Amino acid sequence: MLVGADGWFAGIGNIVPRHAVRLWQLCQAGDLPAARELWYALLPLVNMTSIKPMFGRPDERPDFNQIFKAGLEMLGRRAGQCRRPLLPLTDEDSDYLAGLLETLGVTVETA
């Protein structure tokens, strides 16, 4: 957006929509220091949904659907589990995701 893009197509907007909208607003207003600060706060979540070293490809995260569904469930939005052959997130990844959301100030529901 800082180089003239008209928008941003990212799945994390489903989990943290207010943050995604705020980033857009800051960029549109030209408040680049605040936009950069928010982007760096969001970056660990973006990275979780897109980067996972596996199968020798450090640039690929094939479980992004599970991440989005788990994130929505953590926020109290019914998303359900992915259908087979996709598997749920590991407990480790679920805990990491919950920690990222809490770091962003998002209230996470506990089971």
Protein backbone atom coordinates (compact mmCIF):
# COMPACT_ATOMS: atom_id res chain seq x y z
CA MET A 1 0.00 0.00 0.00
CA LEU A 2 2.93 2.29 0.63
CA VAL A 3 3.99 2.00 -2.99
CA GLY A 4 0.58 2.71 -4.48
CA ALA A 5 -1.38 -0.55 -4.27
CA ASP A 6 -5.15 -0.10 -4.28
CA GLY A 7 -5.69 -2.72 -1.62
CA TRP A 8 -4.43 -5.66 0.32
CA PHE A 9 -5.73 -9.19 -0.13
CA ALA A 10 -4.71 -11.04 3.01
CA GLY A 11 -6.40 -13.72 5.04
CA ILE A 12 -5.49 -12.16 8.35
CA GLY A 13 -8.19 -9.58 7.72
CA ASN A 14 -10.64 -12.33 8.62
CA ILE A 15 -9.05 -12.76 12.05
CA VAL A 16 -8.04 -9.19 12.85
CA PRO A 17 -10.25 -7.02 10.62
CA ARG A 18 -9.92 -3.87 12.71
CA HIS A 19 -6.15 -4.07 12.48
CA ALA A 20 -6.26 -4.56 8.71
CA VAL A 21 -8.62 -1.61 8.25
CA ARG A 22 -6.50 0.54 10.56
CA LEU A 23 -3.40 -0.27 8.53
CA TRP A 24 -5.22 0.82 5.37
CA GLN A 25 -6.41 4.04 7.02
CA LEU A 26 -2.94 4.91 8.26
CA CYS A 27 -1.44 4.36 4.82
CA GLN A 28 -4.15 6.43 3.15
CA ALA A 29 -3.62 9.23 5.67
CA GLY A 30 0.11 9.17 5.00
CA ASP A 31 0.95 8.32 8.61
CA LEU A 32 3.79 6.06 7.62
CA PRO A 33 5.45 5.77 11.05
CA ALA A 34 2.20 4.53 12.62
CA ALA A 35 1.45 2.28 9.62
CA ARG A 36 4.93 0.78 9.83
CA GLU A 37 4.54 0.18 13.57
CA LEU A 38 1.21 -1.59 13.05
CA TRP A 39 2.62 -3.62 10.15
CA TYR A 40 5.50 -4.86 12.28
CA ALA A 41 3.00 -5.84 14.98
CA LEU A 42 0.97 -7.80 12.38
CA LEU A 43 3.98 -9.36 10.67
CA PRO A 44 4.33 -12.40 12.99
CA LEU A 45 0.71 -13.32 12.21
CA VAL A 46 1.27 -12.79 8.49
CA ASN A 47 4.39 -14.93 8.68
CA MET A 48 2.60 -17.69 10.56
CA THR A 49 0.04 -17.96 7.78
CA SER A 50 2.58 -18.07 4.99
CA ILE A 51 5.97 -19.40 6.10
CA LYS A 52 6.78 -22.79 7.52
CA PRO A 53 9.97 -24.68 6.84
CA MET A 54 8.79 -28.06 5.66
CA PHE A 55 9.32 -30.27 2.66
CA GLY A 56 12.53 -28.34 2.05
CA ARG A 57 10.54 -25.19 1.18
CA PRO A 58 10.95 -22.49 3.84
CA ASP A 59 8.57 -20.21 1.92
CA GLU A 60 5.48 -22.39 2.19
CA ARG A 61 2.80 -22.90 4.85
CA PRO A 62 0.23 -25.39 3.58
CA ASP A 63 -1.96 -25.15 6.71
CA PHE A 64 -3.11 -21.56 6.40
CA ASN A 65 -6.77 -22.65 6.19
CA GLN A 66 -6.45 -24.35 9.56
CA ILE A 67 -4.82 -21.23 10.99
CA PHE A 68 -7.67 -18.99 9.84
CA LYS A 69 -10.34 -21.38 11.08
CA ALA A 70 -8.59 -21.83 14.45
CA GLY A 71 -8.20 -18.07 14.78
CA LEU A 72 -11.87 -17.48 14.11
CA GLU A 73 -12.82 -20.16 16.62
CA MET A 74 -10.55 -18.50 19.21
CA LEU A 75 -12.49 -15.29 18.65
CA GLY A 76 -15.82 -17.03 19.22
CA ARG A 77 -16.76 -17.12 15.55
CA ARG A 78 -17.91 -20.55 14.46
CA ALA A 79 -15.66 -21.72 11.66
CA GLY A 80 -15.47 -25.44 12.35
CA GLN A 81 -12.68 -27.78 11.46
CA CYS A 82 -11.24 -28.18 7.99
CA ARG A 83 -12.39 -31.24 6.11
CA ARG A 84 -10.11 -34.17 5.56
CA PRO A 85 -7.44 -34.62 4.42
CA LEU A 86 -6.59 -31.39 6.25
CA LEU A 87 -5.79 -31.85 9.92
CA PRO A 88 -6.34 -29.43 12.80
CA LEU A 89 -3.49 -27.26 14.02
CA THR A 90 -1.10 -28.82 16.45
CA ASP A 91 -1.42 -27.74 20.08
CA GLU A 92 1.90 -25.92 19.70
CA ASP A 93 0.66 -23.93 16.70
CA SER A 94 -2.68 -23.21 18.42
CA ASP A 95 -0.89 -21.86 21.48
CA TYR A 96 1.40 -19.76 19.29
CA LEU A 97 -1.58 -18.35 17.37
CA ALA A 98 -3.41 -17.51 20.60
CA GLY A 99 -0.28 -15.74 21.84
CA LEU A 100 -0.02 -13.69 18.65
CA LEU A 101 -3.65 -12.62 18.91
CA GLU A 102 -3.25 -11.67 22.57
CA THR A 103 -0.15 -9.65 21.68
CA LEU A 104 -2.32 -7.73 19.21
CA GLY A 105 -4.82 -7.01 21.97
CA VAL A 106 -7.43 -9.42 20.68
CA THR A 107 -9.39 -11.29 23.33
CA VAL A 108 -9.06 -15.02 22.85
CA GLU A 109 -11.73 -17.37 24.16
CA THR A 110 -10.48 -20.35 26.10
CA ALA A 111 -12.15 -23.72 25.90
